[in-house]
C-alpha atoms as a PDB file:
ATOM      1  CA  MET A   1     251.686 141.307 127.090  1.00  0.00           C
ATOM      2  CA  GLY A   2     250.351 138.065 128.594  1.00  0.00           C
ATOM      3  CA  ASN A   3     246.836 137.987 130.015  1.00  0.00           C
ATOM      4  CA  VAL A   4     246.775 141.568 131.351  1.00  0.00           C
ATOM      5  CA  GLN A   5     243.649 143.322 130.177  1.00  0.00           C
ATOM      6  CA  ALA A   6     244.461 146.687 128.650  1.00  0.00           C
ATOM      7  CA  SER A   7     241.192 148.077 130.004  1.00  0.00           C
ATOM      8  CA  SER A   8     241.925 147.508 133.699  1.00  0.00           C
ATOM      9  CA  VAL A   9     243.121 150.615 135.486  1.00  0.00           C
ATOM     10  CA  GLU A  10     244.153 151.418 139.072  1.00  0.00           C
ATOM     11  CA  MET A  11     241.913 154.059 140.579  1.00  0.00           C
ATOM     12  CA  THR A  12     241.526 155.653 143.975  1.00  0.00           C
ATOM     13  CA  VAL A  13     237.979 155.446 145.286  1.00  0.00           C
ATOM     14  CA  ILE A  14     237.087 157.910 148.031  1.00  0.00           C
ATOM     15  CA  LEU A  15     233.979 157.140 150.049  1.00  0.00           C
ATOM     16  CA  GLU A  16     232.600 160.109 151.955  1.00  0.00           C
ATOM     17  CA  ARG A  17     230.009 159.369 154.613  1.00  0.00           C
ATOM     18  CA  MET A  18     227.967 162.429 155.606  1.00  0.00           C
ATOM     19  CA  TYR A  19     226.479 162.144 159.105  1.00  0.00           C
ATOM     20  CA  LEU A  20     223.483 163.901 160.679  1.00  0.00           C
ATOM     21  CA  ASP A  21     225.769 165.856 162.989  1.00  0.00           C
ATOM     22  CA  GLY A  22     227.699 167.359 160.069  1.00  0.00           C
ATOM     23  CA  GLU A  23     230.794 165.175 160.383  1.00  0.00           C
ATOM     24  CA  VAL A  24     232.189 163.597 157.225  1.00  0.00           C
ATOM     25  CA  SER A  25     234.325 160.482 157.319  1.00  0.00           C
ATOM     26  CA  GLU A  26     236.512 159.520 154.397  1.00  0.00           C
ATOM     27  CA  GLU A  27     237.540 156.034 153.424  1.00  0.00           C
ATOM     28  CA  ILE A  28     240.132 155.728 150.683  1.00  0.00           C
ATOM     29  CA  LYS A  29     240.429 152.543 148.647  1.00  0.00           C
ATOM     30  CA  GLU A  30     242.592 151.484 145.736  1.00  0.00           C
ATOM     31  CA  GLU A  31     240.539 149.631 143.159  1.00  0.00           C
ATOM     32  CA  THR A  32     241.517 147.822 139.992  1.00  0.00           C
ATOM     33  CA  VAL A  33     238.764 148.888 137.654  1.00  0.00           C
ATOM     34  CA  THR A  34     238.006 146.731 134.629  1.00  0.00           C
ATOM     35  CA  SER A  35     234.737 148.483 133.767  1.00  0.00           C
ATOM     36  CA  MET A  36     232.817 151.456 135.086  1.00  0.00           C
ATOM     37  CA  LYS A  37     229.706 149.270 135.138  1.00  0.00           C
ATOM     38  CA  GLU A  38     231.416 147.093 137.736  1.00  0.00           C
ATOM     39  CA  ILE A  39     232.193 150.166 139.895  1.00  0.00           C
ATOM     40  CA  TRP A  40     228.591 151.496 139.685  1.00  0.00           C
ATOM     41  CA  LYS A  41     227.372 148.068 140.757  1.00  0.00           C
ATOM     42  CA  LYS A  42     229.856 147.802 143.617  1.00  0.00           C
ATOM     43  CA  TYR A  43     228.956 151.273 144.971  1.00  0.00           C
ATOM     44  CA  LYS A  44     225.241 151.133 144.280  1.00  0.00           C
ATOM     45  CA  GLY A  45     223.473 153.524 146.672  1.00  0.00           C
ATOM     46  CA  TRP A  46     226.440 155.918 146.695  1.00  0.00           C
ATOM     47  CA  GLN A  47     226.243 159.225 144.872  1.00  0.00           C
ATOM     48  CA  LEU A  48     229.026 160.168 142.473  1.00  0.00           C
ATOM     49  CA  VAL A  49     230.339 163.637 143.315  1.00  0.00           C
ATOM     50  CA  ASN A  50     233.610 163.790 141.429  1.00  0.00           C
ATOM     51  CA  MET A  51     235.601 161.754 138.969  1.00  0.00           C
ATOM     52  CA  ASP A  52     238.734 162.088 136.902  1.00  0.00           C
ATOM     53  CA  ASP A  53     241.284 159.704 135.369  1.00  0.00           C
ATOM     54  CA  GLU A  54     242.746 158.775 138.731  1.00  0.00           C
ATOM     55  CA  GLN A  55     240.009 158.968 141.310  1.00  0.00           C
ATOM     56  CA  ILE A  56     236.296 158.626 141.921  1.00  0.00           C
ATOM     57  CA  VAL A  57     234.586 160.324 144.853  1.00  0.00           C
ATOM     58  CA  PHE A  58     231.316 158.893 146.146  1.00  0.00           C
ATOM     59  CA  GLN A  59     229.140 160.321 148.899  1.00  0.00           C
ATOM     60  CA  LYS A  60     226.463 158.749 151.026  1.00  0.00           C
ATOM     61  CA  GLU A  61     224.188 160.429 153.530  1.00  0.00           C
ATOM     62  CA  MET A  62     224.177 158.307 156.656  1.00  0.00           C
ATOM     63  CA  ASN A  63     220.943 158.317 158.628  1.00  0.00           C
ATOM     64  CA  ASP A  64     222.923 158.301 161.852  1.00  0.00           C
ATOM     65  CA  ILE A  65     225.275 160.410 163.943  1.00  0.00           C
ATOM     66  CA  SER A  66     229.000 160.065 163.364  1.00  0.00           C
ATOM     67  CA  PRO A  67     231.225 157.603 165.233  1.00  0.00           C
ATOM     68  CA  LEU A  68     232.970 160.695 166.676  1.00  0.00           C
ATOM     69  CA  ALA A  69     229.719 162.043 168.150  1.00  0.00           C
ATOM     70  CA  LYS A  70     228.848 158.594 169.523  1.00  0.00           C
ATOM     71  CA  ALA A  71     232.261 158.211 171.113  1.00  0.00           C
ATOM     72  CA  ASN A  72     232.768 161.692 172.508  1.00  0.00           C
ATOM     73  CA  GLY A  73     229.913 164.027 171.552  1.00  0.00           C
ATOM     74  CA  TYR A  74     228.226 166.323 174.043  1.00  0.00           C
ATOM     75  CA  PHE A  75     225.380 168.754 173.524  1.00  0.00           C
ATOM     76  CA  GLY A  76     226.228 172.056 175.107  1.00  0.00           C
ATOM     77  CA  ILE A  77     225.872 175.785 174.718  1.00  0.00           C
ATOM     78  CA  THR A  78     228.424 178.266 173.348  1.00  0.00           C
ATOM     79  CA  GLU A  79     229.207 181.701 174.792  1.00  0.00           C
ATOM     80  CA  ASP A  80     226.587 183.325 172.563  1.00  0.00           C
ATOM     81  CA  GLY A  81     223.910 180.780 173.522  1.00  0.00           C
ATOM     82  CA  THR A  82     224.095 178.532 170.462  1.00  0.00           C
ATOM     83  CA  LEU A  83     223.043 174.915 171.003  1.00  0.00           C
ATOM     84  CA  SER A  84     225.975 172.873 169.717  1.00  0.00           C
ATOM     85  CA  ILE A  85     227.594 169.474 169.801  1.00  0.00           C
ATOM     86  CA  PHE A  86     231.112 169.524 171.181  1.00  0.00           C
ATOM     87  CA  GLU A  87     233.883 166.986 170.894  1.00  0.00           C
ATOM     88  CA  GLY A  88     234.232 166.266 174.587  1.00  0.00           C
ATOM     89  CA  LYS A  89     232.591 168.186 177.438  1.00  0.00           C
ATOM     90  CA  PRO A  90     231.798 171.793 176.506  1.00  0.00           C
ATOM     91  CA  ASP A  91     234.571 174.128 177.610  1.00  0.00           C
ATOM     92  CA  GLU A  92     237.012 176.562 176.040  1.00  0.00           C
ATOM     93  CA  SER A  93     239.180 173.849 174.520  1.00  0.00           C
ATOM     94  CA  SER A  94     236.370 171.747 173.065  1.00  0.00           C
ATOM     95  CA  ARG A  95     235.908 171.730 169.314  1.00  0.00           C
ATOM     96  CA  VAL A  96     232.368 172.382 168.097  1.00  0.00           C
ATOM     97  CA  ILE A  97     231.293 169.525 165.807  1.00  0.00           C
ATOM     98  CA  GLN A  98     227.955 171.070 164.840  1.00  0.00           C
ATOM     99  CA  SER A  99     226.020 174.217 165.713  1.00  0.00           C
ATOM    100  CA  PHE A 100     222.245 174.354 165.615  1.00  0.00           C
ATOM    101  CA  PHE A 101     220.397 177.459 166.747  1.00  0.00           C
ATOM    102  CA  GLN A 102     220.578 180.147 169.359  1.00  0.00           C
ATOM    103  CA  ILE A 103     218.644 179.457 172.501  1.00  0.00           C
ATOM    104  CA  ASP A 104     216.818 182.072 174.482  1.00  0.00           C
ATOM    105  CA  VAL A 105     218.643 181.274 177.732  1.00  0.00           C
ATOM    106  CA  GLU A 106     216.167 183.413 179.704  1.00  0.00           C
ATOM    107  CA  LYS A 107     213.392 180.932 178.868  1.00  0.00           C
ATOM    108  CA  LEU A 108     215.357 177.894 180.064  1.00  0.00           C
ATOM    109  CA  GLU A 109     214.766 176.475 183.486  1.00  0.00           C
ATOM    110  CA  SER A 110     217.935 176.705 185.547  1.00  0.00           C
ATOM    111  CA  HIS A 111     218.443 172.917 185.637  1.00  0.00           C
ATOM    112  CA  GLN A 112     218.198 172.783 181.813  1.00  0.00           C
ATOM    113  CA  HIS A 113     220.741 175.574 181.508  1.00  0.00           C
ATOM    114  CA  GLU A 114     223.098 173.834 183.954  1.00  0.00           C
ATOM    115  CA  LYS A 115     222.779 170.569 182.046  1.00  0.00           C
ATOM    116  CA  LEU A 116     223.813 172.315 178.822  1.00  0.00           C
ATOM    117  CA  LYS A 117     226.726 174.064 180.510  1.00  0.00           C
ATOM    118  CA  LYS A 118     228.001 170.729 181.851  1.00  0.00           C
ATOM    119  CA  GLY A 119     227.279 168.904 178.597  1.00  0.00           C
ATOM    120  CA  ILE A 120     224.776 166.193 177.698  1.00  0.00           C
ATOM    121  CA  ARG A 121     226.207 163.006 176.171  1.00  0.00           C
ATOM    122  CA  VAL A 122     224.966 162.242 172.677  1.00  0.00           C
ATOM    123  CA  HIS A 123     225.350 158.378 172.516  1.00  0.00           C
ATOM    124  CA  SER A 124     222.857 157.613 169.739  1.00  0.00           C
ATOM    125  CA  LYS A 125     220.772 158.990 166.896  1.00  0.00           C
ATOM    126  CA  GLU A 126     217.630 158.667 169.079  1.00  0.00           C
ATOM    127  CA  ASN A 127     219.264 160.607 171.889  1.00  0.00           C
ATOM    128  CA  TYR A 128     220.498 163.243 169.404  1.00  0.00           C
ATOM    129  CA  GLU A 129     216.990 163.767 167.998  1.00  0.00           C
ATOM    130  CA  ARG A 130     215.354 163.800 171.442  1.00  0.00           C
ATOM    131  CA  ILE A 131     217.713 166.490 172.751  1.00  0.00           C
ATOM    132  CA  LEU A 132     217.132 168.641 169.649  1.00  0.00           C
ATOM    133  CA  GLU A 133     213.365 168.320 170.160  1.00  0.00           C
ATOM    134  CA  THR A 134     213.700 169.233 173.856  1.00  0.00           C
ATOM    135  CA  TYR A 135     215.484 172.511 173.114  1.00  0.00           C
ATOM    136  CA  LYS A 136     213.595 173.523 169.956  1.00  0.00           C
ATOM    137  CA  PRO A 137     210.920 175.488 171.907  1.00  0.00           C
ATOM    138  CA  PHE A 138     213.704 177.745 173.256  1.00  0.00           C
ATOM    139  CA  TYR A 139     214.881 178.702 169.758  1.00  0.00           C
ATOM    140  CA  LYS A 140     215.583 182.438 169.581  1.00  0.00           C
END
């Protein structure tokens, strides 16, 4: 047998990052596990959500918006008046990343409505939170 430890086992570790905008990114790693204690230590701060003989799934809530939203996220408004984040500028073909609440469009000033129809870039967590705060008073 040589020096191979009988207790070491190959496992798949899946790291799920949950972002403020609802996106989840997955990172998949192959780990040689000699003890579970070592794994808990390595992924301290992650929450165990699933585990079997072959894989361990950890989740972490990220206090930030997703890389997708930063790269190509736009606040906009859907047909039914729901404030949403779109992947790309809001139009028919854009995928909705996250929906928030319906806006009473009647209460919006025309320039605010136009801005939403065109799409407002997300960029950062601060920007994301500021835009949500701006439109909260128009919640239906």
